[in-house]
Amino acid sequence: MNGLIANIDKVHTTELGIEQIRRNLELETQDVVNWCKQQIIKSNQHSQKGKNWYVYVDDIKITINTHSFTIITAHREKIKEIIRGKP
């Protein structure tokens, strides 16, 4: 996770990714990438599995590629899945 925080300025996503994240999380903000960066910074629950980081904040899971720093997706998780630690 330190690698992700150290490279937070590289975190980005595609136009389609922005729309998907906005829809999945019902966000009203226009700056989805900055919103995700703030969530990543404040998170204290995360994991890395294979080529992805999984960042958990409240009931949200953000998936980020470890090599490109691309936000792949973000969506709401069921609390039970978070507790069990499912990425």
N, C-alpha and C. Protein backbone atom coordinates (compact mmCIF):
# COMPACT_ATOMS: atom_id res chain seq x y z
N MET A 1 0.83 -1.20 0.00
CA MET A 1 0.00 0.00 0.00
C MET A 1 0.86 1.25 0.00
N ASN A 2 2.04 1.18 0.64
CA ASN A 2 2.92 2.34 0.63
C ASN A 2 3.28 2.75 -0.78
N GLY A 3 3.43 1.76 -1.68
CA GLY A 3 3.71 2.06 -3.08
C GLY A 3 2.58 2.81 -3.73
N LEU A 4 1.37 2.48 -3.34
CA LEU A 4 0.20 3.17 -3.89
C LEU A 4 0.14 4.61 -3.38
N ILE A 5 0.32 4.78 -2.10
CA ILE A 5 0.28 6.13 -1.52
C ILE A 5 1.43 6.98 -2.07
N ALA A 6 2.61 6.39 -2.19
CA ALA A 6 3.76 7.12 -2.71
C ALA A 6 3.55 7.57 -4.16
N ASN A 7 2.70 6.86 -4.87
CA ASN A 7 2.44 7.17 -6.28
C ASN A 7 1.00 7.64 -6.50
N ILE A 8 0.40 8.21 -5.49
CA ILE A 8 -1.01 8.61 -5.58
C ILE A 8 -1.26 9.56 -6.75
N ASP A 9 -0.26 10.36 -7.12
CA ASP A 9 -0.42 11.28 -8.24
C ASP A 9 -0.54 10.56 -9.58
N LYS A 10 -0.15 9.28 -9.65
CA LYS A 10 -0.26 8.50 -10.88
C LYS A 10 -1.61 7.80 -11.02
N VAL A 11 -2.40 7.79 -9.97
CA VAL A 11 -3.70 7.10 -10.00
C VAL A 11 -4.62 7.83 -10.97
N HIS A 12 -5.22 7.05 -11.85
CA HIS A 12 -6.10 7.60 -12.88
C HIS A 12 -7.11 6.53 -13.30
N THR A 13 -8.00 6.89 -14.20
CA THR A 13 -8.90 5.92 -14.81
C THR A 13 -9.32 6.45 -16.17
N THR A 14 -10.08 5.66 -16.88
CA THR A 14 -10.56 6.05 -18.22
C THR A 14 -11.87 6.81 -18.09
N GLU A 15 -12.32 7.39 -19.20
CA GLU A 15 -13.62 8.07 -19.21
C GLU A 15 -14.74 7.08 -18.88
N LEU A 16 -14.66 5.89 -19.45
CA LEU A 16 -15.67 4.87 -19.13
C LEU A 16 -15.59 4.47 -17.66
N GLY A 17 -14.37 4.40 -17.13
CA GLY A 17 -14.18 4.08 -15.72
C GLY A 17 -14.82 5.13 -14.83
N ILE A 18 -14.66 6.39 -15.19
CA ILE A 18 -15.27 7.48 -14.42
C ILE A 18 -16.79 7.31 -14.36
N GLU A 19 -17.39 7.04 -15.50
CA GLU A 19 -18.85 6.87 -15.54
C GLU A 19 -19.30 5.65 -14.75
N GLN A 20 -18.55 4.56 -14.86
CA GLN A 20 -18.90 3.33 -14.14
C GLN A 20 -18.81 3.55 -12.63
N ILE A 21 -17.73 4.18 -12.18
CA ILE A 21 -17.55 4.43 -10.75
C ILE A 21 -18.64 5.37 -10.24
N ARG A 22 -18.91 6.43 -10.99
CA ARG A 22 -19.95 7.39 -10.59
C ARG A 22 -21.30 6.67 -10.45
N ARG A 23 -21.61 5.79 -11.40
CA ARG A 23 -22.87 5.05 -11.37
C ARG A 23 -22.89 4.03 -10.22
N ASN A 24 -21.79 3.27 -10.07
CA ASN A 24 -21.75 2.24 -9.03
C ASN A 24 -21.87 2.81 -7.62
N LEU A 25 -21.26 3.97 -7.40
CA LEU A 25 -21.24 4.56 -6.06
C LEU A 25 -22.25 5.69 -5.89
N GLU A 26 -22.99 5.97 -6.97
CA GLU A 26 -23.98 7.05 -6.95
C GLU A 26 -23.35 8.36 -6.52
N LEU A 27 -22.20 8.68 -7.12
CA LEU A 27 -21.48 9.91 -6.79
C LEU A 27 -22.04 11.09 -7.57
N GLU A 28 -22.01 12.24 -6.96
CA GLU A 28 -22.44 13.45 -7.64
C GLU A 28 -21.25 14.30 -8.06
N THR A 29 -20.07 14.01 -7.53
CA THR A 29 -18.89 14.80 -7.86
C THR A 29 -18.48 14.59 -9.32
N GLN A 30 -17.94 15.63 -9.91
CA GLN A 30 -17.42 15.53 -11.28
C GLN A 30 -15.99 14.99 -11.28
N ASP A 31 -15.27 15.16 -10.17
CA ASP A 31 -13.87 14.73 -10.10
C ASP A 31 -13.79 13.38 -9.37
N VAL A 32 -14.17 12.35 -10.08
CA VAL A 32 -14.23 11.00 -9.51
C VAL A 32 -12.83 10.51 -9.12
N VAL A 33 -11.84 10.79 -9.94
CA VAL A 33 -10.48 10.33 -9.66
C VAL A 33 -9.98 10.94 -8.36
N ASN A 34 -10.16 12.24 -8.17
CA ASN A 34 -9.73 12.88 -6.94
C ASN A 34 -10.50 12.32 -5.74
N TRP A 35 -11.77 12.07 -5.91
CA TRP A 35 -12.59 11.48 -4.83
C TRP A 35 -12.00 10.12 -4.44
N CYS A 36 -11.66 9.30 -5.44
CA CYS A 36 -11.08 7.98 -5.16
C CYS A 36 -9.73 8.12 -4.47
N LYS A 37 -8.91 9.07 -4.92
CA LYS A 37 -7.60 9.29 -4.29
C LYS A 37 -7.77 9.63 -2.81
N GLN A 38 -8.74 10.46 -2.49
CA GLN A 38 -8.97 10.83 -1.09
C GLN A 38 -9.40 9.61 -0.27
N GLN A 39 -10.21 8.74 -0.87
CA GLN A 39 -10.63 7.53 -0.18
C GLN A 39 -9.43 6.60 0.05
N ILE A 40 -8.56 6.49 -0.94
CA ILE A 40 -7.36 5.65 -0.83
C ILE A 40 -6.48 6.15 0.31
N ILE A 41 -6.28 7.46 0.37
CA ILE A 41 -5.43 8.05 1.41
C ILE A 41 -5.99 7.81 2.80
N LYS A 42 -7.31 7.92 2.95
CA LYS A 42 -7.89 7.78 4.29
C LYS A 42 -8.11 6.32 4.71
N SER A 43 -7.98 5.38 3.78
CA SER A 43 -8.23 3.97 4.08
C SER A 43 -7.13 3.38 4.96
N ASN A 44 -7.54 2.51 5.86
CA ASN A 44 -6.55 1.76 6.64
C ASN A 44 -6.76 0.25 6.44
N GLN A 45 -7.60 -0.10 5.48
CA GLN A 45 -7.84 -1.51 5.18
C GLN A 45 -7.62 -1.72 3.68
N HIS A 46 -6.64 -2.54 3.36
CA HIS A 46 -6.28 -2.77 1.97
C HIS A 46 -5.58 -4.12 1.84
N SER A 47 -5.48 -4.57 0.60
CA SER A 47 -4.73 -5.79 0.34
C SER A 47 -4.22 -5.74 -1.10
N GLN A 48 -3.21 -6.54 -1.35
CA GLN A 48 -2.71 -6.68 -2.71
C GLN A 48 -2.78 -8.15 -3.06
N LYS A 49 -3.41 -8.44 -4.16
CA LYS A 49 -3.51 -9.82 -4.62
C LYS A 49 -3.24 -9.82 -6.11
N GLY A 50 -2.16 -10.50 -6.49
CA GLY A 50 -1.79 -10.53 -7.90
C GLY A 50 -1.45 -9.15 -8.40
N LYS A 51 -2.10 -8.75 -9.47
CA LYS A 51 -1.77 -7.48 -10.11
C LYS A 51 -2.62 -6.30 -9.60
N ASN A 52 -3.43 -6.51 -8.59
CA ASN A 52 -4.32 -5.44 -8.12
C ASN A 52 -4.16 -5.13 -6.64
N TRP A 53 -4.41 -3.87 -6.31
CA TRP A 53 -4.61 -3.44 -4.94
C TRP A 53 -6.11 -3.38 -4.73
N TYR A 54 -6.56 -3.74 -3.55
CA TYR A 54 -7.96 -3.63 -3.16
C TYR A 54 -8.00 -2.74 -1.94
N VAL A 55 -8.66 -1.60 -2.07
CA VAL A 55 -8.73 -0.62 -0.99
C VAL A 55 -10.16 -0.59 -0.50
N TYR A 56 -10.32 -0.71 0.82
CA TYR A 56 -11.65 -0.72 1.44
C TYR A 56 -11.83 0.52 2.31
N VAL A 57 -12.93 1.21 2.08
CA VAL A 57 -13.28 2.38 2.88
C VAL A 57 -14.78 2.28 3.14
N ASP A 58 -15.15 2.22 4.41
CA ASP A 58 -16.55 2.04 4.78
C ASP A 58 -17.08 0.81 4.05
N ASP A 59 -18.07 0.96 3.19
CA ASP A 59 -18.61 -0.19 2.47
C ASP A 59 -18.20 -0.17 0.99
N ILE A 60 -17.11 0.52 0.67
CA ILE A 60 -16.66 0.67 -0.71
C ILE A 60 -15.35 -0.09 -0.92
N LYS A 61 -15.26 -0.77 -2.07
CA LYS A 61 -14.01 -1.41 -2.47
C LYS A 61 -13.56 -0.77 -3.78
N ILE A 62 -12.31 -0.28 -3.78
CA ILE A 62 -11.71 0.32 -4.97
C ILE A 62 -10.62 -0.63 -5.44
N THR A 63 -10.65 -1.00 -6.71
CA THR A 63 -9.66 -1.90 -7.28
C THR A 63 -8.74 -1.11 -8.19
N ILE A 64 -7.42 -1.22 -7.96
CA ILE A 64 -6.43 -0.44 -8.69
C ILE A 64 -5.34 -1.39 -9.21
N ASN A 65 -4.97 -1.25 -10.47
CA ASN A 65 -3.89 -2.05 -11.04
C ASN A 65 -2.55 -1.60 -10.46
N THR A 66 -1.74 -2.55 -10.01
CA THR A 66 -0.48 -2.21 -9.33
C THR A 66 0.58 -1.66 -10.27
N HIS A 67 0.50 -1.97 -11.55
CA HIS A 67 1.53 -1.53 -12.49
C HIS A 67 1.20 -0.20 -13.15
N SER A 68 -0.06 -0.03 -13.54
CA SER A 68 -0.44 1.19 -14.28
C SER A 68 -1.08 2.25 -13.40
N PHE A 69 -1.44 1.89 -12.16
CA PHE A 69 -2.14 2.78 -11.23
C PHE A 69 -3.51 3.20 -11.76
N THR A 70 -4.10 2.36 -12.60
CA THR A 70 -5.43 2.62 -13.14
C THR A 70 -6.49 2.10 -12.18
N ILE A 71 -7.45 2.96 -11.86
CA ILE A 71 -8.60 2.51 -11.06
C ILE A 71 -9.44 1.67 -12.01
N ILE A 72 -9.56 0.39 -11.69
CA ILE A 72 -10.30 -0.53 -12.54
C ILE A 72 -11.79 -0.40 -12.28
N THR A 73 -12.15 -0.40 -11.01
CA THR A 73 -13.55 -0.26 -10.63
C THR A 73 -13.66 0.14 -9.17
N ALA A 74 -14.82 0.55 -8.79
CA ALA A 74 -15.15 0.82 -7.39
C ALA A 74 -16.63 0.52 -7.23
N HIS A 75 -16.94 -0.15 -6.16
CA HIS A 75 -18.34 -0.46 -5.90
C HIS A 75 -18.57 -0.71 -4.42
N ARG A 76 -19.83 -0.75 -4.06
CA ARG A 76 -20.20 -0.99 -2.67
C ARG A 76 -20.13 -2.48 -2.40
N GLU A 77 -19.64 -2.81 -1.22
CA GLU A 77 -19.49 -4.19 -0.78
C GLU A 77 -20.47 -4.48 0.34
N LYS A 78 -20.84 -5.72 0.44
CA LYS A 78 -21.62 -6.14 1.60
C LYS A 78 -20.67 -6.21 2.78
N ILE A 79 -21.11 -5.80 3.94
CA ILE A 79 -20.27 -5.77 5.14
C ILE A 79 -19.67 -7.14 5.43
N LYS A 80 -20.39 -8.22 5.27
CA LYS A 80 -19.88 -9.56 5.57
C LYS A 80 -18.66 -9.87 4.71
N GLU A 81 -18.67 -9.48 3.43
CA GLU A 81 -17.54 -9.75 2.55
C GLU A 81 -16.31 -8.99 3.00
N ILE A 82 -16.48 -7.78 3.47
CA ILE A 82 -15.37 -6.97 3.94
C ILE A 82 -14.75 -7.62 5.18
N ILE A 83 -15.59 -8.05 6.10
CA ILE A 83 -15.10 -8.68 7.33
C ILE A 83 -14.33 -9.95 7.02
N ARG A 84 -14.82 -10.73 6.07
CA ARG A 84 -14.13 -11.96 5.71
C ARG A 84 -12.86 -11.68 4.92
N GLY A 85 -12.67 -10.46 4.45
CA GLY A 85 -11.46 -10.10 3.73
C GLY A 85 -11.43 -10.55 2.29
N LYS A 86 -12.60 -10.71 1.67
CA LYS A 86 -12.62 -11.10 0.27
C LYS A 86 -12.24 -9.92 -0.60
N PRO A 87 -11.22 -10.06 -1.44
CA PRO A 87 -10.88 -8.97 -2.37
C PRO A 87 -11.84 -8.91 -3.54
